[in-house]
Protein backbone atom coordinates (compact mmCIF):
# COMPACT_ATOMS: atom_id res chain seq x y z
CA UNK A 1 -18.34 279.81 31.03
CA UNK A 2 -17.16 278.34 27.73
CA UNK A 3 -15.20 275.12 28.12
CA UNK A 4 -12.46 274.22 25.67
CA UNK A 5 -11.18 271.13 27.47
CA UNK A 6 -12.79 268.60 29.79
CA UNK A 7 -11.99 269.34 33.48
CA UNK A 8 -10.26 266.75 35.65
CA UNK A 9 -12.46 263.72 36.16
CA UNK A 10 -14.47 264.31 32.98
CA UNK A 11 -12.23 262.86 30.28
CA UNK A 12 -14.24 260.72 27.92
CA UNK A 13 -17.38 262.86 28.23
CA UNK A 14 -18.58 263.72 24.76
CA UNK A 15 -18.71 267.29 23.55
CA UNK A 16 -22.47 266.90 23.08
CA UNK A 17 -22.96 265.77 26.71
CA UNK A 18 -20.79 268.59 28.01
CA UNK A 19 -22.83 271.07 26.00
CA UNK A 20 -26.06 269.75 27.54
CA UNK A 21 -24.63 270.08 31.05
CA UNK A 22 -23.23 273.56 30.41
CA UNK A 23 -26.54 274.71 28.99
CA UNK A 24 -28.22 273.81 32.27
CA UNK A 25 -25.58 275.69 34.25
CA UNK A 26 -26.07 278.78 32.07
CA UNK A 27 -29.85 278.57 32.41
CA UNK A 28 -29.76 278.32 36.20
CA UNK A 29 -27.29 281.19 36.45
CA UNK A 30 -29.48 283.33 34.20
CA UNK A 31 -32.47 282.66 36.45
CA UNK A 32 -30.89 284.97 39.03
CA UNK A 33 -30.29 287.85 36.60
CA UNK A 34 -33.21 289.91 37.92
CA UNK A 35 -32.13 289.70 41.55
CA UNK A 36 -32.30 293.28 42.85
CA UNK A 37 -29.68 292.87 45.56
CA UNK A 38 -26.33 292.75 43.69
CA UNK A 39 -24.56 290.91 46.50
CA UNK A 40 -27.28 288.25 46.65
CA UNK A 41 -27.16 287.89 42.87
CA UNK A 42 -23.39 287.41 42.96
CA UNK A 43 -23.62 284.85 45.77
CA UNK A 44 -26.34 282.78 44.11
CA UNK A 45 -24.70 282.75 40.70
CA UNK A 46 -21.29 281.87 42.12
CA UNK A 47 -22.83 279.13 44.27
CA UNK A 48 -24.54 277.71 41.20
CA UNK A 49 -21.30 277.61 39.22
CA UNK A 50 -19.37 275.86 41.98
CA UNK A 51 -22.15 273.42 42.87
CA UNK A 52 -22.64 272.33 39.27
CA UNK A 53 -18.88 272.14 38.76
CA UNK A 54 -18.65 269.73 41.71
CA UNK A 55 -21.49 267.56 40.40
CA UNK A 56 -19.92 267.43 36.95
CA UNK A 57 -16.37 266.85 38.15
CA UNK A 58 -17.21 263.87 40.38
CA UNK A 59 -19.99 262.61 38.05
CA UNK A 60 -22.36 262.46 41.02
CA UNK A 61 -24.65 259.43 40.97
CA UNK A 62 -28.34 259.65 41.80
CA UNK A 63 -27.76 257.33 44.77
CA UNK A 64 -25.02 259.65 46.07
CA UNK A 65 -27.31 262.64 45.57
CA UNK A 66 -30.04 260.91 47.61
CA UNK A 67 -27.53 260.06 50.34
CA UNK A 68 -26.51 263.71 50.46
CA UNK A 69 -30.11 264.86 50.80
CA UNK A 70 -30.66 262.27 53.54
CA UNK A 71 -27.53 263.52 55.36
CA UNK A 72 -28.70 267.14 55.28
CA UNK A 73 -32.21 266.14 56.36
CA UNK A 74 -30.81 264.26 59.35
CA UNK A 75 -28.62 267.24 60.23
CA UNK A 76 -31.75 269.40 60.27
CA UNK A 77 -33.67 266.94 62.45
CA UNK A 78 -30.96 266.77 65.13
CA UNK A 79 -30.50 270.56 65.25
CA UNK A 80 -32.32 272.40 68.04
CA UNK A 81 -31.85 275.48 70.20
CA UNK A 82 -28.91 273.87 71.99
CA UNK A 83 -27.25 271.93 69.17
CA UNK A 84 -26.37 273.23 65.71
CA UNK A 85 -25.36 270.32 63.50
CA UNK A 86 -24.82 272.60 60.51
CA UNK A 87 -22.19 274.59 62.43
CA UNK A 88 -20.50 271.29 63.26
CA UNK A 89 -20.59 270.36 59.58
CA UNK A 90 -19.14 273.72 58.60
CA UNK A 91 -16.45 273.31 61.27
CA UNK A 92 -15.28 269.83 60.28
CA UNK A 93 -15.12 270.79 56.60
CA UNK A 94 -12.91 273.78 57.43
CA UNK A 95 -15.55 276.16 56.06
CA UNK A 96 -15.86 277.96 59.40
CA UNK A 97 -12.12 278.58 59.64
CA UNK A 98 -11.94 279.69 56.00
CA UNK A 99 -14.77 282.19 56.57
CA UNK A 100 -12.93 283.50 59.63
CA UNK A 101 -9.71 283.82 57.63
CA UNK A 102 -11.49 285.79 54.89
CA UNK A 103 -13.20 288.13 57.38
CA UNK A 104 -10.33 288.65 59.81
CA UNK A 105 -7.33 289.65 57.78
CA UNK A 106 -4.08 289.88 59.69
CA UNK A 107 -3.53 293.38 61.07
CA UNK A 108 -0.11 294.00 62.58
CA UNK A 109 0.15 292.31 65.95
CA UNK A 110 -3.60 291.77 66.42
CA UNK A 111 -4.59 288.50 68.08
CA UNK A 112 -5.65 285.86 65.57
CA UNK A 113 -9.26 284.72 65.36
CA UNK A 114 -10.52 281.17 65.28
CA UNK A 115 -13.81 279.25 65.20
CA UNK A 116 -16.85 280.38 67.18
CA UNK A 117 -18.13 276.87 67.84
CA UNK A 118 -21.71 275.76 68.49
CA UNK A 119 -21.88 276.27 72.28
CA UNK A 120 -21.85 280.03 72.81
CA UNK A 121 -24.85 281.27 74.80
CA UNK A 122 -26.04 284.85 75.13
CA UNK A 123 -26.62 286.35 78.58
CA UNK A 124 -23.90 284.44 80.41
CA UNK A 125 -23.60 285.71 83.99
CA UNK A 126 -21.28 288.59 84.79
CA UNK A 127 -18.42 288.03 87.21
CA UNK A 128 -16.13 290.63 88.78
CA UNK A 129 -12.46 290.78 87.87
CA UNK A 130 -10.88 287.82 89.64
CA UNK A 131 -14.18 285.93 89.73
CA UNK A 132 -14.80 282.28 88.89
CA UNK A 133 -16.50 281.14 85.67
CA UNK A 134 -16.59 277.46 86.67
CA UNK A 135 -19.95 277.58 88.42
CA UNK A 136 -19.34 274.20 89.99
CA UNK A 137 -18.15 272.48 86.81
CA UNK A 138 -15.68 269.64 87.30
CA UNK A 139 -12.03 270.29 86.53
CA UNK A 140 -8.70 271.61 87.73
CA UNK A 141 -8.86 275.29 88.76
CA UNK A 142 -6.93 277.57 86.42
CA UNK A 143 -5.97 281.21 86.90
CA UNK A 144 -6.21 283.19 83.65
CA UNK A 145 -4.93 286.75 83.34
CA UNK A 146 -3.86 289.23 80.72
CA UNK A 147 -4.27 292.67 79.22
CA UNK A 148 -6.39 293.91 76.32
CA UNK A 149 -4.73 296.53 74.12
CA UNK A 150 -5.13 297.96 70.64
CA UNK A 151 -2.52 297.45 67.93
CA UNK A 152 -0.68 300.57 69.12
CA UNK A 153 -0.26 299.13 72.58
CA UNK A 154 -2.86 301.34 74.26
CA UNK A 155 -4.80 299.56 77.03
CA UNK A 156 -8.52 299.04 76.35
CA UNK A 157 -10.58 299.70 79.47
CA UNK A 158 -14.09 298.28 79.86
CA UNK A 159 -13.66 295.71 77.07
CA UNK A 160 -16.25 292.97 77.43
CA UNK A 161 -14.73 289.50 77.61
CA UNK A 162 -16.99 286.48 77.13
CA UNK A 163 -15.40 283.18 78.16
CA UNK A 164 -16.76 279.66 77.92
CA UNK A 165 -15.38 276.13 78.08
CA UNK A 166 -16.18 272.46 78.56
CA UNK A 167 -15.88 270.73 81.92
CA UNK A 168 -13.42 267.96 82.75
CA UNK A 169 -15.84 265.39 81.31
CA UNK A 170 -15.80 267.13 77.94
CA UNK A 171 -19.27 268.67 78.11
CA UNK A 172 -20.53 272.25 77.97
CA UNK A 173 -23.30 273.23 80.38
CA UNK A 174 -25.89 273.33 77.58
CA UNK A 175 -25.24 269.66 76.84
CA UNK A 176 -26.73 268.74 80.21
CA UNK A 177 -30.50 268.61 80.70
CA UNK A 178 -30.70 270.17 84.16
CA UNK A 179 -30.47 273.83 83.08
CA UNK A 180 -27.13 274.45 84.77
CA UNK A 181 -25.00 277.47 83.89
CA UNK A 182 -21.35 276.57 84.35
CA UNK A 183 -18.04 277.10 82.62
CA UNK A 184 -19.12 280.40 81.12
CA UNK A 185 -19.36 284.06 82.15
CA UNK A 186 -18.47 287.56 81.06
CA UNK A 187 -16.37 290.25 82.69
CA UNK A 188 -14.89 293.66 81.85
CA UNK A 189 -11.32 294.88 81.78
CA UNK A 190 -10.26 297.47 84.34
CA UNK A 191 -9.03 300.98 83.57
CA UNK A 192 -5.62 299.59 82.66
CA UNK A 193 -7.09 297.04 80.26
CA UNK A 194 -6.29 294.18 82.62
CA UNK A 195 -8.45 291.16 83.34
CA UNK A 196 -8.19 288.01 85.43
CA UNK A 197 -10.47 285.16 86.41
CA UNK A 198 -10.61 281.60 87.62
CA UNK A 199 -11.62 278.95 85.10
CA UNK A 200 -10.78 275.32 84.46
CA UNK A 201 -7.67 273.89 82.84
CA UNK A 202 -8.92 272.89 79.35
CA UNK A 203 -8.91 269.22 78.35
CA UNK A 204 -9.51 267.53 74.97
CA UNK A 205 -13.06 266.47 74.17
CA UNK A 206 -14.98 265.16 71.15
CA UNK A 207 -17.43 267.34 69.30
CA UNK A 208 -20.93 265.78 69.37
CA UNK A 209 -20.50 262.74 67.16
CA UNK A 210 -23.74 260.84 67.71
CA UNK A 211 -25.34 262.43 64.64
CA UNK A 212 -24.72 262.67 60.90
CA UNK A 213 -21.50 264.68 61.25
CA UNK A 214 -20.06 262.05 63.57
CA UNK A 215 -21.08 259.32 61.15
CA UNK A 216 -19.31 261.16 58.35
CA UNK A 217 -16.11 261.50 60.41
CA UNK A 218 -16.18 257.80 61.24
CA UNK A 219 -16.70 256.91 57.58
CA UNK A 220 -13.60 258.86 56.52
CA UNK A 221 -11.43 257.79 59.46
CA UNK A 222 -11.20 261.17 61.16
CA UNK A 223 -11.17 261.83 64.91
CA UNK A 224 -13.96 263.98 66.37
CA UNK A 225 -11.68 265.20 69.17
CA UNK A 226 -10.89 268.88 69.64
CA UNK A 227 -7.61 270.07 71.09
CA UNK A 228 -7.89 271.47 74.64
CA UNK A 229 -9.07 275.08 74.51
CA UNK A 230 -10.75 277.99 76.24
CA UNK A 231 -13.09 280.25 74.24
CA UNK A 232 -12.93 284.06 74.22
CA UNK A 233 -15.04 286.72 72.56
CA UNK A 234 -13.82 290.27 73.15
CA UNK A 235 -15.71 293.42 72.18
CA UNK A 236 -14.80 297.07 72.63
CA UNK A 237 -15.89 300.35 71.08
CA UNK A 238 -14.20 301.23 67.76
CA UNK A 239 -12.31 297.93 67.71
CA UNK A 240 -12.96 294.74 65.78
CA UNK A 241 -14.74 292.02 67.72
CA UNK A 242 -12.40 289.11 68.35
CA UNK A 243 -13.60 285.50 68.55
CA UNK A 244 -10.77 283.17 69.46
CA UNK A 245 -9.49 280.37 71.72
CA UNK A 246 -6.32 279.64 73.57
CA UNK A 247 -4.87 276.12 73.39
CA UNK A 248 -2.76 274.16 75.86
CA UNK A 249 0.92 273.81 75.02
CA UNK A 250 1.94 270.15 75.01
CA UNK A 251 -1.55 268.80 74.33
CA UNK A 252 -0.95 265.70 72.12
CA UNK A 253 -4.20 266.40 70.25
CA UNK A 254 -2.58 269.46 68.66
CA UNK A 255 -0.20 267.14 66.80
CA UNK A 256 -2.91 264.56 66.03
CA UNK A 257 -5.13 267.27 64.61
CA UNK A 258 -7.94 269.47 65.88
CA UNK A 259 -11.21 268.19 64.40
CA UNK A 260 -12.32 271.69 63.34
CA UNK A 261 -8.88 273.05 62.25
CA UNK A 262 -8.99 275.81 64.87
CA UNK A 263 -5.42 275.68 66.21
CA UNK A 264 -3.02 278.50 65.37
CA UNK A 265 0.53 278.59 66.71
CA UNK A 266 0.07 282.08 68.16
CA UNK A 267 -2.85 280.85 70.28
CA UNK A 268 -0.96 277.97 71.95
CA UNK A 269 -0.20 279.05 75.52
CA UNK A 270 1.73 277.56 78.39
CA UNK A 271 -0.50 276.42 81.26
CA UNK A 272 1.91 276.20 84.18
CA UNK A 273 1.00 273.47 86.66
CA UNK A 274 1.11 274.50 90.33
CA UNK A 275 1.58 271.93 93.12
CA UNK A 276 -1.01 271.67 95.85
CA UNK A 277 -0.38 274.28 98.51
CA UNK A 278 1.19 276.80 96.14
CA UNK A 279 -0.15 280.27 97.07
CA UNK A 280 -2.70 281.56 94.57
CA UNK A 281 -2.53 285.08 93.05
CA UNK A 282 -5.64 286.24 94.91
CA UNK A 283 -5.18 284.27 98.12
CA UNK A 284 -7.86 281.71 97.27
CA UNK A 285 -7.60 278.60 99.42
CA UNK A 286 -7.61 275.53 97.18
CA UNK A 287 -6.74 273.13 99.98
CA UNK A 288 -4.89 270.11 98.61
CA UNK A 289 -5.85 270.79 94.98
CA UNK A 290 -3.31 271.35 92.25
CA UNK A 291 -4.01 274.25 89.93
CA UNK A 292 -2.70 275.87 86.79
CA UNK A 293 -2.11 279.39 85.55
CA UNK A 294 -1.77 280.99 82.13
CA UNK A 295 -1.46 284.42 80.57
CA UNK A 296 -3.24 285.59 77.44
CA UNK A 297 -2.56 289.15 76.29
CA UNK A 298 -5.15 290.19 73.72
CA UNK A 299 -4.60 292.74 70.93
CA UNK A 300 -7.69 294.05 69.12
CA UNK A 301 -7.60 295.30 65.53
CA UNK A 302 -9.29 298.56 64.50
CA UNK A 303 -12.97 298.18 63.64
CA UNK A 304 -12.39 299.27 60.05
CA UNK A 305 -9.44 296.92 59.46
């Protein structure tokens, strides 16, 4: 790239100094010229341009560079098989949502996607239609139902629906040390594309903020709290896999701001509160417990969309 004017933040930098800096950028970019994989070459050269542009724009100090390396090192140290600090970092910088936006272009009436989050676990137990994903987790029972269709309105039978959520204390099962499996399961739609299950009414909770990402949020005055939500991942043959949440209408955290920018208006759903003693859809006896119910109709885009 040939520069004719100094970018923002670099006024007063001599032409000679800019030439030295640009020469380094050009040299590093050229070092990837022999990369056999064209996509990898493009990625590495673009990354180099943007990374060097950032360093030059902000005039990064050596102390700031060292702090950045220390931050990334600490993120690596705290990451394990149950906690992914780099996903948290990607989430709070909006990089996760931007990647989702790029890879899930709007298709007609298809349900919008949102962040995957760091707490999905493979091999969650299967429940029958109408089963309970709570697994003993604390919280208000919530009846969730809906239909899975394609963008033409055709029901999608046998679609696999993965669901997972935090308990009433704001923790996912994997954040406990006792090996529990709770607040997560998978089920399949029936021949009419319908599904239903018992879960928990979602509540706000903070993302893990006892590590470097939490320290960063505190330093910049941002809340680590996520808006109340229930995770879904829906897969079906010849249709695009959907990773999304639904959010609770009226949750004040939606207005304050979701810490990972995951809220979309189309995913905010009404969770109707039911007084104790109200008959449940499947006849379940909840005694003197209140409960809630919501409906989430899911529309899957074509696989090639």
